[in-house]
Amino acid sequence: MPAGRARPPVSPDRLRLGLVLPTWTTNDVRWSEVLDIAGVAAEVGFDALYVSDHLLLPSNNAELKRRAGVDFPDDPEVELEGYMECFTTIAALAVAIPRLELGSFDRLPQRRLDGQDGRHHRRHQRRPPHPRRRIR
């Protein structure tokens, strides 16, 4: 398939595979490396890429690193690690690799302030009367 062309829809009877990109260790992984991983995933046939929606996990990710085979000390003095911002990362991936489906495997609604999503505003806004239902 030529680069940059959208992949045709996947038949519902075919198994689809997605990959969670390592966007949670910004001290260890750079954007260029995440983009390389995403490119390889597209080349080998993954159907989707997913990104985590956390900005700062109060952790040094020691347990995750140990599960991956890294000998990492459980030291509270080690600097906390950040995450790449989810929707900015998804937007950049959409430009770089348009043929894969993209998404966040979690979304944190607590990042929204009251009224930011419009529900608060709509609830307190008076609706104009319908022209045929005006009170005379």
N, C-alpha and C. Protein backbone atom coordinates (compact mmCIF):
# COMPACT_ATOMS: atom_id res chain seq x y z
N MET A 1 0.85 -1.18 0.00
CA MET A 1 0.00 0.00 0.00
C MET A 1 0.90 1.24 0.00
N PRO A 2 0.65 2.20 -0.90
CA PRO A 2 1.48 3.41 -0.95
C PRO A 2 1.41 4.19 0.36
N ALA A 3 2.54 4.78 0.71
CA ALA A 3 2.60 5.57 1.96
C ALA A 3 1.63 6.73 1.91
N GLY A 4 0.98 7.00 3.02
CA GLY A 4 0.09 8.14 3.13
C GLY A 4 -1.34 7.86 2.71
N ARG A 5 -1.61 6.73 2.08
CA ARG A 5 -2.98 6.41 1.68
C ARG A 5 -3.71 5.72 2.81
N ALA A 6 -4.97 6.03 2.94
CA ALA A 6 -5.76 5.42 4.01
C ALA A 6 -5.95 3.93 3.75
N ARG A 7 -5.88 3.16 4.78
CA ARG A 7 -6.10 1.71 4.68
C ARG A 7 -7.59 1.47 4.49
N PRO A 8 -7.97 0.52 3.62
CA PRO A 8 -9.40 0.24 3.45
C PRO A 8 -10.01 -0.29 4.75
N PRO A 9 -11.32 -0.14 4.92
CA PRO A 9 -11.95 -0.62 6.15
C PRO A 9 -11.70 -2.11 6.37
N VAL A 10 -11.56 -2.49 7.62
CA VAL A 10 -11.30 -3.89 7.97
C VAL A 10 -12.63 -4.62 8.08
N SER A 11 -12.68 -5.78 7.49
CA SER A 11 -13.90 -6.58 7.55
C SER A 11 -14.19 -6.97 9.00
N PRO A 12 -15.46 -7.01 9.42
CA PRO A 12 -15.79 -7.31 10.81
C PRO A 12 -15.37 -8.71 11.26
N ASP A 13 -15.15 -9.62 10.32
CA ASP A 13 -14.76 -10.98 10.71
C ASP A 13 -13.24 -11.15 10.81
N ARG A 14 -12.49 -10.07 10.65
CA ARG A 14 -11.04 -10.12 10.74
C ARG A 14 -10.59 -9.55 12.08
N LEU A 15 -9.64 -10.21 12.71
CA LEU A 15 -9.08 -9.72 13.96
C LEU A 15 -8.31 -8.44 13.69
N ARG A 16 -8.53 -7.44 14.52
CA ARG A 16 -7.81 -6.17 14.38
C ARG A 16 -6.88 -6.02 15.56
N LEU A 17 -5.72 -5.45 15.30
CA LEU A 17 -4.70 -5.33 16.33
C LEU A 17 -4.30 -3.88 16.54
N GLY A 18 -4.22 -3.47 17.80
CA GLY A 18 -3.76 -2.12 18.13
C GLY A 18 -2.54 -2.18 19.03
N LEU A 19 -1.79 -1.11 19.05
CA LEU A 19 -0.58 -1.02 19.86
C LEU A 19 -0.66 0.22 20.74
N VAL A 20 -0.38 0.06 22.03
CA VAL A 20 -0.30 1.19 22.95
C VAL A 20 1.13 1.73 22.86
N LEU A 21 1.25 2.98 22.46
CA LEU A 21 2.58 3.59 22.31
C LEU A 21 3.15 3.99 23.67
N PRO A 22 4.46 3.89 23.84
CA PRO A 22 5.08 4.23 25.13
C PRO A 22 5.26 5.74 25.29
N THR A 23 4.18 6.41 25.61
CA THR A 23 4.23 7.87 25.76
C THR A 23 4.28 8.28 27.23
N TRP A 24 4.53 7.35 28.11
CA TRP A 24 4.48 7.63 29.55
C TRP A 24 5.83 7.83 30.19
N THR A 25 6.91 7.68 29.47
CA THR A 25 8.22 7.88 30.08
C THR A 25 8.98 8.95 29.31
N THR A 26 8.56 10.18 29.45
CA THR A 26 9.16 11.26 28.67
C THR A 26 10.60 11.52 29.05
N ASN A 27 11.05 10.98 30.16
CA ASN A 27 12.47 11.13 30.51
C ASN A 27 13.32 10.14 29.73
N ASP A 28 12.72 9.02 29.30
CA ASP A 28 13.46 7.97 28.61
C ASP A 28 13.17 7.89 27.12
N VAL A 29 11.96 8.23 26.70
CA VAL A 29 11.54 8.08 25.31
C VAL A 29 11.27 9.45 24.72
N ARG A 30 11.85 9.71 23.57
CA ARG A 30 11.63 10.98 22.86
C ARG A 30 10.54 10.80 21.80
N TRP A 31 9.98 11.94 21.36
CA TRP A 31 8.94 11.90 20.34
C TRP A 31 9.42 11.19 19.08
N SER A 32 10.66 11.43 18.68
CA SER A 32 11.18 10.78 17.46
C SER A 32 11.16 9.26 17.60
N GLU A 33 11.41 8.76 18.80
CA GLU A 33 11.38 7.31 19.02
C GLU A 33 9.95 6.78 18.99
N VAL A 34 9.01 7.53 19.56
CA VAL A 34 7.60 7.13 19.51
C VAL A 34 7.14 7.10 18.06
N LEU A 35 7.54 8.09 17.28
CA LEU A 35 7.16 8.14 15.86
C LEU A 35 7.77 6.96 15.10
N ASP A 36 9.01 6.59 15.41
CA ASP A 36 9.63 5.42 14.78
C ASP A 36 8.86 4.14 15.12
N ILE A 37 8.48 4.00 16.38
CA ILE A 37 7.71 2.81 16.80
C ILE A 37 6.38 2.77 16.06
N ALA A 38 5.72 3.92 15.95
CA ALA A 38 4.43 3.99 15.24
C ALA A 38 4.61 3.63 13.77
N GLY A 39 5.69 4.10 13.16
CA GLY A 39 5.95 3.77 11.76
C GLY A 39 6.17 2.28 11.54
N VAL A 40 6.93 1.66 12.42
CA VAL A 40 7.16 0.21 12.33
C VAL A 40 5.84 -0.54 12.54
N ALA A 41 5.03 -0.08 13.49
CA ALA A 41 3.73 -0.72 13.73
C ALA A 41 2.87 -0.68 12.47
N ALA A 42 2.88 0.45 11.76
CA ALA A 42 2.12 0.57 10.52
C ALA A 42 2.67 -0.37 9.45
N GLU A 43 4.00 -0.47 9.37
CA GLU A 43 4.63 -1.33 8.36
C GLU A 43 4.32 -2.81 8.58
N VAL A 44 4.30 -3.25 9.83
CA VAL A 44 4.10 -4.68 10.09
C VAL A 44 2.63 -5.08 10.15
N GLY A 45 1.72 -4.11 10.03
CA GLY A 45 0.31 -4.46 9.90
C GLY A 45 -0.62 -4.17 11.06
N PHE A 46 -0.18 -3.40 12.05
CA PHE A 46 -1.12 -3.02 13.11
C PHE A 46 -2.24 -2.17 12.51
N ASP A 47 -3.42 -2.25 13.09
CA ASP A 47 -4.58 -1.51 12.60
C ASP A 47 -4.80 -0.19 13.33
N ALA A 48 -4.29 -0.08 14.57
CA ALA A 48 -4.57 1.11 15.38
C ALA A 48 -3.41 1.37 16.33
N LEU A 49 -3.32 2.63 16.74
CA LEU A 49 -2.34 3.06 17.74
C LEU A 49 -3.11 3.76 18.86
N TYR A 50 -2.69 3.52 20.09
CA TYR A 50 -3.35 4.13 21.24
C TYR A 50 -2.34 4.87 22.11
N VAL A 51 -2.81 5.94 22.73
CA VAL A 51 -1.97 6.79 23.57
C VAL A 51 -2.67 6.96 24.91
N SER A 52 -1.90 7.02 25.98
CA SER A 52 -2.45 7.22 27.32
C SER A 52 -2.77 8.70 27.55
N ASP A 53 -3.77 8.98 28.36
CA ASP A 53 -4.16 10.36 28.66
C ASP A 53 -3.84 10.70 30.11
N HIS A 54 -2.57 10.76 30.43
CA HIS A 54 -2.12 11.20 31.75
C HIS A 54 -1.09 12.29 31.52
N LEU A 55 -1.10 13.31 32.36
CA LEU A 55 -0.07 14.34 32.23
C LEU A 55 1.07 14.11 33.20
N LEU A 56 0.77 13.70 34.41
CA LEU A 56 1.83 13.39 35.37
C LEU A 56 1.32 12.31 36.30
N LEU A 57 2.00 11.21 36.29
CA LEU A 57 1.66 10.13 37.20
C LEU A 57 2.55 10.30 38.43
N PRO A 58 1.99 10.31 39.63
CA PRO A 58 2.84 10.50 40.81
C PRO A 58 3.68 9.25 41.07
N SER A 59 4.57 8.97 40.15
CA SER A 59 5.39 7.77 40.23
C SER A 59 6.63 7.96 39.38
N ASN A 60 7.61 7.15 39.63
CA ASN A 60 8.78 7.13 38.76
C ASN A 60 8.69 5.95 37.79
N ASN A 61 7.53 5.32 37.74
CA ASN A 61 7.26 4.19 36.85
C ASN A 61 8.20 3.01 37.09
N ALA A 62 8.70 2.88 38.31
CA ALA A 62 9.64 1.79 38.63
C ALA A 62 9.03 0.42 38.35
N GLU A 63 7.77 0.22 38.75
CA GLU A 63 7.16 -1.09 38.56
C GLU A 63 7.01 -1.42 37.07
N LEU A 64 6.58 -0.43 36.28
CA LEU A 64 6.47 -0.66 34.83
C LEU A 64 7.81 -1.02 34.23
N LYS A 65 8.86 -0.33 34.67
CA LYS A 65 10.19 -0.61 34.13
C LYS A 65 10.67 -1.99 34.55
N ARG A 66 10.39 -2.37 35.79
CA ARG A 66 10.81 -3.70 36.24
C ARG A 66 10.07 -4.80 35.47
N ARG A 67 8.78 -4.57 35.19
CA ARG A 67 8.03 -5.55 34.39
C ARG A 67 8.62 -5.69 32.99
N ALA A 68 9.20 -4.61 32.48
CA ALA A 68 9.81 -4.64 31.15
C ALA A 68 11.23 -5.20 31.19
N GLY A 69 11.69 -5.60 32.38
CA GLY A 69 13.01 -6.21 32.48
C GLY A 69 14.14 -5.26 32.84
N VAL A 70 13.82 -4.02 33.16
CA VAL A 70 14.84 -3.04 33.53
C VAL A 70 15.09 -3.13 35.03
N ASP A 71 16.35 -3.18 35.42
CA ASP A 71 16.71 -3.20 36.84
C ASP A 71 16.64 -1.76 37.35
N PHE A 72 15.50 -1.40 37.93
CA PHE A 72 15.26 -0.01 38.33
C PHE A 72 15.00 0.03 39.83
N PRO A 73 15.72 0.88 40.57
CA PRO A 73 15.52 0.93 42.02
C PRO A 73 14.19 1.59 42.38
N ASP A 74 13.58 1.15 43.45
CA ASP A 74 12.35 1.76 43.94
C ASP A 74 12.75 2.87 44.91
N ASP A 75 13.18 3.98 44.34
CA ASP A 75 13.72 5.09 45.12
C ASP A 75 12.79 6.30 45.00
N PRO A 76 12.16 6.73 46.09
CA PRO A 76 11.23 7.87 46.02
C PRO A 76 11.92 9.17 45.63
N GLU A 77 13.24 9.23 45.71
CA GLU A 77 13.97 10.44 45.34
C GLU A 77 14.15 10.59 43.83
N VAL A 78 13.89 9.51 43.08
CA VAL A 78 14.02 9.57 41.63
C VAL A 78 12.93 10.49 41.09
N GLU A 79 13.31 11.35 40.15
CA GLU A 79 12.39 12.34 39.59
C GLU A 79 11.15 11.68 38.98
N LEU A 80 9.99 12.30 39.23
CA LEU A 80 8.74 11.80 38.66
C LEU A 80 8.76 11.98 37.15
N GLU A 81 8.08 11.08 36.46
CA GLU A 81 8.06 11.13 35.01
C GLU A 81 6.74 11.67 34.50
N GLY A 82 6.80 12.37 33.42
CA GLY A 82 5.60 12.90 32.80
C GLY A 82 5.16 12.05 31.62
N TYR A 83 4.04 12.43 31.04
CA TYR A 83 3.47 11.76 29.87
C TYR A 83 3.41 12.77 28.74
N MET A 84 3.47 12.28 27.51
CA MET A 84 3.21 13.16 26.37
C MET A 84 1.71 13.43 26.37
N GLU A 85 1.32 14.66 26.08
CA GLU A 85 -0.10 15.02 26.10
C GLU A 85 -0.84 14.23 25.02
N CYS A 86 -1.92 13.62 25.41
CA CYS A 86 -2.64 12.65 24.58
C CYS A 86 -3.10 13.21 23.23
N PHE A 87 -3.88 14.26 23.24
CA PHE A 87 -4.52 14.70 22.00
C PHE A 87 -3.54 15.42 21.08
N THR A 88 -2.50 16.03 21.62
CA THR A 88 -1.44 16.60 20.79
C THR A 88 -0.68 15.47 20.11
N THR A 89 -0.40 14.41 20.84
CA THR A 89 0.30 13.26 20.28
C THR A 89 -0.54 12.60 19.19
N ILE A 90 -1.83 12.42 19.44
CA ILE A 90 -2.72 11.82 18.44
C ILE A 90 -2.77 12.69 17.17
N ALA A 91 -2.84 14.01 17.34
CA ALA A 91 -2.87 14.90 16.18
C ALA A 91 -1.59 14.77 15.36
N ALA A 92 -0.45 14.73 16.03
CA ALA A 92 0.83 14.59 15.32
C ALA A 92 0.92 13.24 14.62
N LEU A 93 0.44 12.19 15.25
CA LEU A 93 0.43 10.87 14.62
C LEU A 93 -0.49 10.84 13.41
N ALA A 94 -1.62 11.53 13.48
CA ALA A 94 -2.56 11.57 12.36
C ALA A 94 -1.92 12.19 11.13
N VAL A 95 -1.07 13.18 11.34
CA VAL A 95 -0.38 13.81 10.21
C VAL A 95 0.72 12.89 9.68
N ALA A 96 1.46 12.28 10.59
CA ALA A 96 2.62 11.46 10.20
C ALA A 96 2.21 10.10 9.64
N ILE A 97 1.17 9.49 10.20
CA ILE A 97 0.77 8.13 9.81
C ILE A 97 -0.75 8.11 9.65
N PRO A 98 -1.27 8.65 8.55
CA PRO A 98 -2.73 8.79 8.40
C PRO A 98 -3.48 7.49 8.16
N ARG A 99 -2.80 6.41 7.87
CA ARG A 99 -3.50 5.18 7.49
C ARG A 99 -3.94 4.31 8.66
N LEU A 100 -3.58 4.66 9.89
CA LEU A 100 -3.98 3.86 11.05
C LEU A 100 -5.06 4.56 11.85
N GLU A 101 -5.89 3.77 12.53
CA GLU A 101 -6.85 4.36 13.47
C GLU A 101 -6.08 4.79 14.71
N LEU A 102 -6.51 5.88 15.31
CA LEU A 102 -5.83 6.42 16.49
C LEU A 102 -6.85 6.63 17.60
N GLY A 103 -6.38 6.51 18.84
CA GLY A 103 -7.28 6.76 19.96
C GLY A 103 -6.54 6.79 21.27
N SER A 104 -7.28 7.18 22.31
CA SER A 104 -6.71 7.14 23.66
C SER A 104 -7.33 5.93 24.35
N PHE A 105 -6.52 5.18 25.07
CA PHE A 105 -7.09 4.02 25.74
C PHE A 105 -7.66 4.39 27.09
N ASP A 106 -7.53 5.62 27.49
CA ASP A 106 -8.23 6.16 28.65
C ASP A 106 -8.34 7.66 28.45
N ARG A 107 -9.36 8.25 29.01
CA ARG A 107 -9.55 9.69 28.91
C ARG A 107 -9.93 10.18 30.29
N LEU A 108 -9.27 11.23 30.72
CA LEU A 108 -9.48 11.70 32.08
C LEU A 108 -10.43 12.90 32.11
N PRO A 109 -11.69 12.68 32.43
CA PRO A 109 -12.64 13.79 32.45
C PRO A 109 -12.34 14.80 33.55
N GLN A 110 -11.62 14.41 34.59
CA GLN A 110 -11.36 15.37 35.67
C GLN A 110 -10.45 16.50 35.22
N ARG A 111 -9.83 16.40 34.05
CA ARG A 111 -9.02 17.50 33.54
C ARG A 111 -9.88 18.66 33.07
N ARG A 112 -11.16 18.41 32.84
CA ARG A 112 -12.06 19.47 32.37
C ARG A 112 -12.56 20.29 33.55
N LEU A 113 -12.60 21.58 33.37
CA LEU A 113 -13.14 22.46 34.39
C LEU A 113 -14.65 22.53 34.22
N ASP A 114 -15.36 22.90 35.26
CA ASP A 114 -16.81 23.00 35.19
C ASP A 114 -17.21 23.94 34.06
N GLY A 115 -18.06 23.45 33.18
CA GLY A 115 -18.54 24.27 32.08
C GLY A 115 -17.68 24.20 30.84
N GLN A 116 -16.51 23.60 30.93
CA GLN A 116 -15.62 23.58 29.78
C GLN A 116 -16.19 22.73 28.64
N ASP A 117 -16.96 21.71 28.98
CA ASP A 117 -17.51 20.86 27.93
C ASP A 117 -18.88 21.35 27.46
N GLY A 118 -19.36 22.44 27.98
CA GLY A 118 -20.60 23.03 27.51
C GLY A 118 -21.84 22.62 28.29
N ARG A 119 -21.78 21.53 29.06
CA ARG A 119 -22.98 21.08 29.77
C ARG A 119 -23.44 22.12 30.79
N HIS A 120 -22.51 22.68 31.56
CA HIS A 120 -22.86 23.66 32.57
C HIS A 120 -23.50 24.88 31.92
N HIS A 121 -22.92 25.33 30.82
CA HIS A 121 -23.42 26.51 30.14
C HIS A 121 -24.83 26.27 29.61
N ARG A 122 -25.06 25.14 28.96
CA ARG A 122 -26.38 24.85 28.39
C ARG A 122 -27.43 24.72 29.48
N ARG A 123 -27.06 24.19 30.62
CA ARG A 123 -28.03 23.97 31.69
C ARG A 123 -28.57 25.31 32.22
N HIS A 124 -27.76 26.35 32.22
CA HIS A 124 -28.17 27.63 32.79
C HIS A 124 -28.55 28.66 31.73
N GLN A 125 -28.62 28.23 30.49
CA GLN A 125 -28.96 29.16 29.42
C GLN A 125 -30.45 29.03 29.12
N ARG A 126 -31.16 30.17 29.02
CA ARG A 126 -32.58 30.13 28.69
C ARG A 126 -32.74 29.89 27.21
N ARG A 127 -33.65 29.01 26.89
CA ARG A 127 -33.92 28.70 25.50
C ARG A 127 -34.90 29.72 24.95
N PRO A 128 -34.63 30.25 23.76
CA PRO A 128 -35.60 31.21 23.20
C PRO A 128 -36.90 30.47 22.86
N PRO A 129 -38.04 31.14 23.03
CA PRO A 129 -39.32 30.47 22.75
C PRO A 129 -39.45 30.16 21.27
N HIS A 130 -40.15 29.08 20.98
CA HIS A 130 -40.42 28.72 19.60
C HIS A 130 -41.33 29.80 19.02
N PRO A 131 -41.13 30.22 17.76
CA PRO A 131 -41.95 31.32 17.21
C PRO A 131 -43.45 31.04 17.24
N ARG A 132 -43.87 29.81 17.15
CA ARG A 132 -45.30 29.51 17.14
C ARG A 132 -45.85 29.32 18.54
N ARG A 133 -45.01 29.30 19.53
CA ARG A 133 -45.48 29.05 20.90
C ARG A 133 -45.30 30.29 21.79
N ARG A 134 -45.22 31.42 21.21
CA ARG A 134 -45.06 32.64 22.01
C ARG A 134 -46.35 32.92 22.79
N ILE A 135 -46.18 33.41 23.97
CA ILE A 135 -47.33 33.80 24.78
C ILE A 135 -47.75 35.19 24.35
N ARG A 136 -49.03 35.37 24.12
CA ARG A 136 -49.51 36.67 23.64
C ARG A 136 -49.85 37.57 24.77
